[in-house]
PDB file of N, CA and C in Angstrom:
ATOM      1  N   MET A   1     155.794 122.624 102.787  1.00  0.00           N
ATOM      2  CA  MET A   1     154.853 122.534 102.877  1.00  0.00           C
ATOM      3  C   MET A   1     154.296 123.325 104.146  1.00  0.00           C
ATOM      4  N   PRO A   2     153.338 123.923 104.319  1.00  0.00           N
ATOM      5  CA  PRO A   2     152.555 124.451 105.536  1.00  0.00           C
ATOM      6  C   PRO A   2     151.770 122.777 105.929  1.00  0.00           C
ATOM      7  N   LYS A   3     151.534 122.924 107.150  1.00  0.00           N
ATOM      8  CA  LYS A   3     150.719 121.602 107.749  1.00  0.00           C
ATOM      9  C   LYS A   3     149.283 122.073 107.507  1.00  0.00           C
ATOM     10  N   LEU A   4     148.805 120.893 106.682  1.00  0.00           N
ATOM     11  CA  LEU A   4     147.439 120.922 106.226  1.00  0.00           C
ATOM     12  C   LEU A   4     146.222 121.393 107.550  1.00  0.00           C
ATOM     13  N   ARG A   5     145.270 121.469 107.302  1.00  0.00           N
ATOM     14  CA  ARG A   5     144.124 121.732 108.211  1.00  0.00           C
ATOM     15  C   ARG A   5     143.683 120.198 108.442  1.00  0.00           C
ATOM     16  N   ILE A   6     143.490 119.224 107.118  1.00  0.00           N
ATOM     17  CA  ILE A   6     142.884 118.008 107.979  1.00  0.00           C
ATOM     18  C   ILE A   6     144.013 117.045 107.909  1.00  0.00           C
ATOM     19  N   GLY A   7     144.107 116.230 109.176  1.00  0.00           N
ATOM     20  CA  GLY A   7     144.888 115.379 109.339  1.00  0.00           C
ATOM     21  C   GLY A   7     144.460 114.140 109.069  1.00  0.00           C
ATOM     22  N   THR A   8     144.805 113.210 109.876  1.00  0.00           N
ATOM     23  CA  THR A   8     144.100 111.929 109.890  1.00  0.00           C
ATOM     24  C   THR A   8     142.492 111.926 110.305  1.00  0.00           C
ATOM     25  N   LEU A   9     142.037 111.008 108.978  1.00  0.00           N
ATOM     26  CA  LEU A   9     140.456 110.966 109.306  1.00  0.00           C
ATOM     27  C   LEU A   9     140.316 109.856 110.245  1.00  0.00           C
ATOM     28  N   LEU A  10     138.921 109.853 110.828  1.00  0.00           N
ATOM     29  CA  LEU A  10     138.665 109.177 111.785  1.00  0.00           C
ATOM     30  C   LEU A  10     137.784 107.963 111.091  1.00  0.00           C
ATOM     31  N   ASP A  11     137.943 106.958 111.727  1.00  0.00           N
ATOM     32  CA  ASP A  11     136.738 105.776 110.778  1.00  0.00           C
ATOM     33  C   ASP A  11     135.036 106.158 111.857  1.00  0.00           C
ATOM     34  N   ASP A  12     134.407 106.359 111.402  1.00  0.00           N
ATOM     35  CA  ASP A  12     132.708 106.944 111.905  1.00  0.00           C
ATOM     36  C   ASP A  12     131.832 106.382 110.632  1.00  0.00           C
ATOM     37  N   LYS A  13     130.532 105.808 111.446  1.00  0.00           N
ATOM     38  CA  LYS A  13     129.596 105.319 110.357  1.00  0.00           C
ATOM     39  C   LYS A  13     129.186 106.295 109.438  1.00  0.00           C
ATOM     40  N   PRO A  14     128.937 106.159 108.548  1.00  0.00           N
ATOM     41  CA  PRO A  14     128.704 107.249 107.589  1.00  0.00           C
ATOM     42  C   PRO A  14     127.394 107.361 107.427  1.00  0.00           C
ATOM     43  N   VAL A  15     126.605 108.607 106.941  1.00  0.00           N
ATOM     44  CA  VAL A  15     125.537 108.991 106.000  1.00  0.00           C
ATOM     45  C   VAL A  15     125.643 109.070 104.519  1.00  0.00           C
ATOM     46  N   LYS A  16     124.962 108.303 104.266  1.00  0.00           N
ATOM     47  CA  LYS A  16     125.388 108.830 102.469  1.00  0.00           C
ATOM     48  C   LYS A  16     124.564 109.753 101.877  1.00  0.00           C
ATOM     49  N   ILE A  17     125.019 110.711 101.216  1.00  0.00           N
ATOM     50  CA  ILE A  17     124.242 111.841 100.358  1.00  0.00           C
ATOM     51  C   ILE A  17     125.192 111.961  98.903  1.00  0.00           C
ATOM     52  N   SER A  18     124.392 112.522  98.328  1.00  0.00           N
ATOM     53  CA  SER A  18     124.650 113.104  96.638  1.00  0.00           C
ATOM     54  C   SER A  18     124.934 114.303  96.833  1.00  0.00           C
ATOM     55  N   ILE A  19     126.014 114.457  96.098  1.00  0.00           N
ATOM     56  CA  ILE A  19     126.052 115.934  95.647  1.00  0.00           C
ATOM     57  C   ILE A  19     126.771 116.363  94.399  1.00  0.00           C
ATOM     58  N   GLU A  20     126.368 117.326  93.742  1.00  0.00           N
ATOM     59  CA  GLU A  20     127.617 117.856  92.933  1.00  0.00           C
ATOM     60  C   GLU A  20     128.342 118.928  92.828  1.00  0.00           C
ATOM     61  N   LEU A  21     129.518 118.714  92.539  1.00  0.00           N
ATOM     62  CA  LEU A  21     130.549 119.822  92.454  1.00  0.00           C
ATOM     63  C   LEU A  21     130.924 120.120  91.062  1.00  0.00           C
ATOM     64  N   PRO A  22     131.337 121.510  91.332  1.00  0.00           N
ATOM     65  CA  PRO A  22     131.851 121.825  90.173  1.00  0.00           C
ATOM     66  C   PRO A  22     133.445 121.434  90.134  1.00  0.00           C
ATOM     67  N   ALA A  23     133.755 121.357  88.626  1.00  0.00           N
ATOM     68  CA  ALA A  23     134.986 120.441  88.245  1.00  0.00           C
ATOM     69  C   ALA A  23     135.870 121.269  88.855  1.00  0.00           C
ATOM     70  N   SER A  24     136.282 122.608  88.937  1.00  0.00           N
ATOM     71  CA  SER A  24     137.640 122.859  89.875  1.00  0.00           C
ATOM     72  C   SER A  24     137.178 122.483  91.001  1.00  0.00           C
ATOM     73  N   VAL A  25     136.495 122.746  92.078  1.00  0.00           N
ATOM     74  CA  VAL A  25     136.209 121.934  93.206  1.00  0.00           C
ATOM     75  C   VAL A  25     136.630 120.513  93.284  1.00  0.00           C
ATOM     76  N   HIS A  26     136.314 119.612  92.435  1.00  0.00           N
ATOM     77  CA  HIS A  26     136.722 118.572  92.170  1.00  0.00           C
ATOM     78  C   HIS A  26     137.957 118.180  92.361  1.00  0.00           C
ATOM     79  N   ARG A  27     138.922 119.067  91.234  1.00  0.00           N
ATOM     80  CA  ARG A  27     140.132 118.862  90.634  1.00  0.00           C
ATOM     81  C   ARG A  27     141.047 119.383  92.221  1.00  0.00           C
ATOM     82  N   ASP A  28     140.579 120.685  93.218  1.00  0.00           N
ATOM     83  CA  ASP A  28     140.764 120.700  94.132  1.00  0.00           C
ATOM     84  C   ASP A  28     141.087 119.809  95.226  1.00  0.00           C
ATOM     85  N   LEU A  29     139.899 119.147  95.378  1.00  0.00           N
ATOM     86  CA  LEU A  29     139.680 118.285  96.214  1.00  0.00           C
ATOM     87  C   LEU A  29     140.833 116.977  96.053  1.00  0.00           C
ATOM     88  N   VAL A  30     140.752 116.667  94.409  1.00  0.00           N
ATOM     89  CA  VAL A  30     141.858 115.372  94.407  1.00  0.00           C
ATOM     90  C   VAL A  30     143.272 116.095  95.109  1.00  0.00           C
ATOM     91  N   ALA A  31     143.633 117.251  94.469  1.00  0.00           N
ATOM     92  CA  ALA A  31     144.799 117.722  94.740  1.00  0.00           C
ATOM     93  C   ALA A  31     144.706 117.672  95.933  1.00  0.00           C
ATOM     94  N   TYR A  32     144.211 118.093  96.792  1.00  0.00           N
ATOM     95  CA  TYR A  32     144.214 117.706  98.419  1.00  0.00           C
ATOM     96  C   TYR A  32     144.297 116.641  98.753  1.00  0.00           C
ATOM     97  N   ALA A  33     143.691 115.786  98.677  1.00  0.00           N
ATOM     98  CA  ALA A  33     143.907 114.353  98.741  1.00  0.00           C
ATOM     99  C   ALA A  33     145.348 113.915  98.549  1.00  0.00           C
ATOM    100  N   GLU A  34     145.832 114.424  97.524  1.00  0.00           N
ATOM    101  CA  GLU A  34     147.175 113.670  97.178  1.00  0.00           C
ATOM    102  C   GLU A  34     148.421 114.877  97.911  1.00  0.00           C
ATOM    103  N   ALA A  35     148.030 116.096  98.598  1.00  0.00           N
ATOM    104  CA  ALA A  35     148.906 116.424  99.669  1.00  0.00           C
ATOM    105  C   ALA A  35     148.952 116.054 100.937  1.00  0.00           C
ATOM    106  N   VAL A  36     147.665 115.162 101.315  1.00  0.00           N
ATOM    107  CA  VAL A  36     147.641 114.453 102.167  1.00  0.00           C
ATOM    108  C   VAL A  36     148.575 113.470 102.281  1.00  0.00           C
ATOM    109  N   ALA A  37     148.412 112.717 100.954  1.00  0.00           N
ATOM    110  CA  ALA A  37     149.128 111.215 101.213  1.00  0.00           C
ATOM    111  C   ALA A  37     150.472 111.855 101.312  1.00  0.00           C
ATOM    112  N   ARG A  38     151.013 112.667 100.358  1.00  0.00           N
ATOM    113  CA  ARG A  38     152.336 113.116 100.886  1.00  0.00           C
ATOM    114  C   ARG A  38     153.094 113.423 102.151  1.00  0.00           C
ATOM    115  N   GLU A  39     151.916 114.107 102.477  1.00  0.00           N
ATOM    116  CA  GLU A  39     152.260 114.910 104.441  1.00  0.00           C
ATOM    117  C   GLU A  39     152.240 113.759 105.490  1.00  0.00           C
ATOM    118  N   ASN A  40     151.147 113.179 104.926  1.00  0.00           N
ATOM    119  CA  ASN A  40     151.001 111.976 106.356  1.00  0.00           C
ATOM    120  C   ASN A  40     151.128 110.337 105.739  1.00  0.00           C
ATOM    121  N   GLY A  41     151.428 110.201 104.609  1.00  0.00           N
ATOM    122  CA  GLY A  41     151.787 108.576 103.609  1.00  0.00           C
ATOM    123  C   GLY A  41     150.213 107.822 103.455  1.00  0.00           C
ATOM    124  N   GLN A  42     149.062 108.400 104.058  1.00  0.00           N
ATOM    125  CA  GLN A  42     147.439 108.101 104.120  1.00  0.00           C
ATOM    126  C   GLN A  42     147.039 108.400 103.032  1.00  0.00           C
ATOM    127  N   ARG A  43     146.970 107.200 102.251  1.00  0.00           N
ATOM    128  CA  ARG A  43     146.346 107.726 100.581  1.00  0.00           C
ATOM    129  C   ARG A  43     144.797 107.304 100.987  1.00  0.00           C
ATOM    130  N   ILE A  44     143.955 108.772 100.803  1.00  0.00           N
ATOM    131  CA  ILE A  44     142.432 108.231 101.087  1.00  0.00           C
ATOM    132  C   ILE A  44     142.167 108.627  99.872  1.00  0.00           C
ATOM    133  N   ASP A  45     140.599 108.359  99.384  1.00  0.00           N
ATOM    134  CA  ASP A  45     139.590 108.949  98.566  1.00  0.00           C
ATOM    135  C   ASP A  45     139.567 110.451  98.392  1.00  0.00           C
ATOM    136  N   PRO A  46     139.354 111.254  97.615  1.00  0.00           N
ATOM    137  CA  PRO A  46     138.904 112.482  98.082  1.00  0.00           C
ATOM    138  C   PRO A  46     137.876 112.708  98.188  1.00  0.00           C
ATOM    139  N   GLY A  47     136.296 112.179  98.329  1.00  0.00           N
ATOM    140  CA  GLY A  47     135.646 111.993  98.565  1.00  0.00           C
ATOM    141  C   GLY A  47     135.468 111.823 100.301  1.00  0.00           C
ATOM    142  N   LYS A  48     136.222 111.329 100.427  1.00  0.00           N
ATOM    143  CA  LYS A  48     136.220 111.126 102.611  1.00  0.00           C
ATOM    144  C   LYS A  48     136.819 112.652 102.783  1.00  0.00           C
ATOM    145  N   LEU A  49     137.518 113.150 102.405  1.00  0.00           N
ATOM    146  CA  LEU A  49     137.734 114.785 102.679  1.00  0.00           C
ATOM    147  C   LEU A  49     136.767 116.061 103.240  1.00  0.00           C
ATOM    148  N   ILE A  50     135.501 115.402 102.067  1.00  0.00           N
ATOM    149  CA  ILE A  50     134.151 116.336 102.619  1.00  0.00           C
ATOM    150  C   ILE A  50     133.508 116.781 103.743  1.00  0.00           C
ATOM    151  N   ALA A  51     133.724 115.685 104.500  1.00  0.00           N
ATOM    152  CA  ALA A  51     132.996 115.645 105.560  1.00  0.00           C
ATOM    153  C   ALA A  51     133.664 116.112 107.210  1.00  0.00           C
ATOM    154  N   PRO A  52     135.134 116.007 106.884  1.00  0.00           N
ATOM    155  CA  PRO A  52     135.937 116.459 107.487  1.00  0.00           C
ATOM    156  C   PRO A  52     136.579 118.081 107.554  1.00  0.00           C
ATOM    157  N   MET A  53     136.163 118.467 105.833  1.00  0.00           N
ATOM    158  CA  MET A  53     136.605 119.715 105.464  1.00  0.00           C
ATOM    159  C   MET A  53     135.098 120.792 106.103  1.00  0.00           C
ATOM    160  N   LEU A  54     133.856 119.892 105.915  1.00  0.00           N
ATOM    161  CA  LEU A  54     132.677 120.523 106.500  1.00  0.00           C
ATOM    162  C   LEU A  54     132.770 120.548 107.833  1.00  0.00           C
ATOM    163  N   ALA A  55     133.373 119.603 108.734  1.00  0.00           N
ATOM    164  CA  ALA A  55     132.783 119.821 109.696  1.00  0.00           C
ATOM    165  C   ALA A  55     133.567 120.916 110.643  1.00  0.00           C
ATOM    166  N   ARG A  56     135.342 121.305 109.894  1.00  0.00           N
ATOM    167  CA  ARG A  56     136.134 122.162 110.354  1.00  0.00           C
ATOM    168  C   ARG A  56     135.624 123.536 109.814  1.00  0.00           C
ATOM    169  N   PHE A  57     134.867 123.555 108.714  1.00  0.00           N
ATOM    170  CA  PHE A  57     134.259 124.462 108.216  1.00  0.00           C
ATOM    171  C   PHE A  57     133.005 125.434 109.522  1.00  0.00           C
ATOM    172  N   MET A  58     132.174 124.262 109.303  1.00  0.00           N
ATOM    173  CA  MET A  58     131.273 124.796 110.633  1.00  0.00           C
ATOM    174  C   MET A  58     131.746 125.408 111.960  1.00  0.00           C
ATOM    175  N   ALA A  59     132.856 124.710 112.439  1.00  0.00           N
ATOM    176  CA  ALA A  59     133.416 124.712 113.734  1.00  0.00           C
ATOM    177  C   ALA A  59     133.956 126.248 114.128  1.00  0.00           C
ATOM    178  N   ALA A  60     134.549 126.622 112.489  1.00  0.00           N
ATOM    179  CA  ALA A  60     135.384 128.096 112.614  1.00  0.00           C
ATOM    180  C   ALA A  60     134.171 129.183 112.330  1.00  0.00           C
ATOM    181  N   ASP A  61     133.322 128.594 112.021  1.00  0.00           N
ATOM    182  CA  ASP A  61     132.138 129.846 111.611  1.00  0.00           C
ATOM    183  C   ASP A  61     131.183 129.885 113.112  1.00  0.00           C
ATOM    184  N   ARG A  62     131.742 131.093 113.313  1.00  0.00           N
ATOM    185  CA  ARG A  62     131.281 132.087 114.698  1.00  0.00           C
ATOM    186  C   ARG A  62     129.910 132.139 114.653  1.00  0.00           C
ATOM    187  N   GLY A  63     129.014 132.660 113.595  1.00  0.00           N
ATOM    188  CA  GLY A  63     128.096 133.090 113.295  1.00  0.00           C
ATOM    189  C   GLY A  63     126.952 131.800 113.516  1.00  0.00           C
ATOM    190  N   PHE A  64     127.442 130.610 113.146  1.00  0.00           N
ATOM    191  CA  PHE A  64     126.326 129.558 112.891  1.00  0.00           C
ATOM    192  C   PHE A  64     127.015 129.069 114.751  1.00  0.00           C
ATOM    193  N   ALA A  65     128.144 128.806 115.248  1.00  0.00           N
ATOM    194  CA  ALA A  65     128.119 128.342 116.536  1.00  0.00           C
ATOM    195  C   ALA A  65     127.236 129.277 117.598  1.00  0.00           C
ATOM    196  N   LYS A  66     127.180 130.702 117.446  1.00  0.00           N
ATOM    197  CA  LYS A  66     126.320 131.352 118.130  1.00  0.00           C
ATOM    198  C   LYS A  66     124.832 131.200 117.822  1.00  0.00           C
ATOM    199  N   ALA A  67     124.502 130.649 116.868  1.00  0.00           N
ATOM    200  CA  ALA A  67     123.087 130.140 116.346  1.00  0.00           C
ATOM    201  C   ALA A  67     123.194 128.776 117.180  1.00  0.00           C
ATOM    202  N   ARG A  68     123.723 127.913 117.645  1.00  0.00           N
ATOM    203  CA  ARG A  68     123.631 126.439 117.981  1.00  0.00           C
ATOM    204  C   ARG A  68     123.315 126.662 119.273  1.00  0.00           C
ATOM    205  N   ARG A  69     124.400 127.714 120.031  1.00  0.00           N
ATOM    206  CA  ARG A  69     123.948 128.029 121.660  1.00  0.00           C
ATOM    207  C   ARG A  69     122.858 128.560 121.824  1.00  0.00           C
ATOM    208  N   THR A  70     122.203 129.679 121.311  1.00  0.00           N
ATOM    209  CA  THR A  70     121.125 130.244 121.172  1.00  0.00           C
ATOM    210  C   THR A  70     119.801 129.318 120.856  1.00  0.00           C
ATOM    211  N   GLY A  71     120.182 128.279 119.702  1.00  0.00           N
ATOM    212  CA  GLY A  71     118.751 127.782 119.677  1.00  0.00           C
ATOM    213  C   GLY A  71     118.143 128.600 118.556  1.00  0.00           C
ATOM    214  N   HIS A  72     118.730 128.992 117.280  1.00  0.00           N
ATOM    215  CA  HIS A  72     118.350 129.886 116.392  1.00  0.00           C
ATOM    216  C   HIS A  72     119.216 129.401 115.154  1.00  0.00           C
ATOM    217  N   SER A  73     118.060 129.384 114.154  1.00  0.00           N
ATOM    218  CA  SER A  73     118.736 128.790 112.678  1.00  0.00           C
ATOM    219  C   SER A  73     119.582 130.036 113.291  1.00  0.00           C
ATOM    220  N   PRO A  74     120.748 129.919 111.966  1.00  0.00           N
ATOM    221  CA  PRO A  74     121.592 131.192 111.570  1.00  0.00           C
ATOM    222  C   PRO A  74     120.910 132.054 109.976  1.00  0.00           C
ATOM    223  N   ARG A  75     121.067 132.797 110.227  1.00  0.00           N
ATOM    224  CA  ARG A  75     120.090 133.770 109.295  1.00  0.00           C
ATOM    225  C   ARG A  75     120.592 133.285 107.759  1.00  0.00           C
ATOM    226  N   SER A  76     119.944 133.092 106.762  1.00  0.00           N
ATOM    227  CA  SER A  76     120.187 133.039 105.363  1.00  0.00           C
ATOM    228  C   SER A  76     120.685 133.919 104.668  1.00  0.00           C
ATOM    229  N   GLY A  77     121.551 133.680 103.724  1.00  0.00           N
ATOM    230  CA  GLY A  77     122.082 134.743 102.743  1.00  0.00           C
ATOM    231  C   GLY A  77     123.803 134.840 103.365  1.00  0.00           C
ATOM    232  N   GLY A  78     123.996 136.153 102.722  1.00  0.00           N
ATOM    233  CA  GLY A  78     125.742 135.844 102.622  1.00  0.00           C
ATOM    234  C   GLY A  78     126.361 135.529 103.887  1.00  0.00           C
ATOM    235  N   GLY A  79     126.106 135.699 104.972  1.00  0.00           N
ATOM    236  CA  GLY A  79     126.561 135.371 106.200  1.00  0.00           C
ATOM    237  C   GLY A  79     128.258 135.713 106.562  1.00  0.00           C
ATOM    238  N   GLU A  80     128.878 135.240 107.337  1.00  0.00           N
ATOM    239  CA  GLU A  80     130.102 135.514 106.913  1.00  0.00           C
ATOM    240  C   GLU A  80     131.498 134.607 106.401  1.00  0.00           C
ATOM    241  N   GLY A  81     132.398 134.671 106.017  1.00  0.00           N
ATOM    242  CA  GLY A  81     133.361 134.104 104.871  1.00  0.00           C
ATOM    243  C   GLY A  81     134.241 133.413 105.708  1.00  0.00           C
TER     244      GLY A  81
END
């Protein structure tokens, strides 16, 4: 199995938010948590994966990084995927 992008999770002070996920996304999140448990032996709540996944996504988004450097908001709409 290829190495997962999300590894060991850091213990950080959380900010609570509520979101609704499509059932298919939740199923994939549960499957990802199971894959992390198999790879790292670290059993975690699937919800704990959301923050590091979002952080990794934003860190890899060149348009967002450029907007942050220049102090502008990223354009709304399609954007880069």
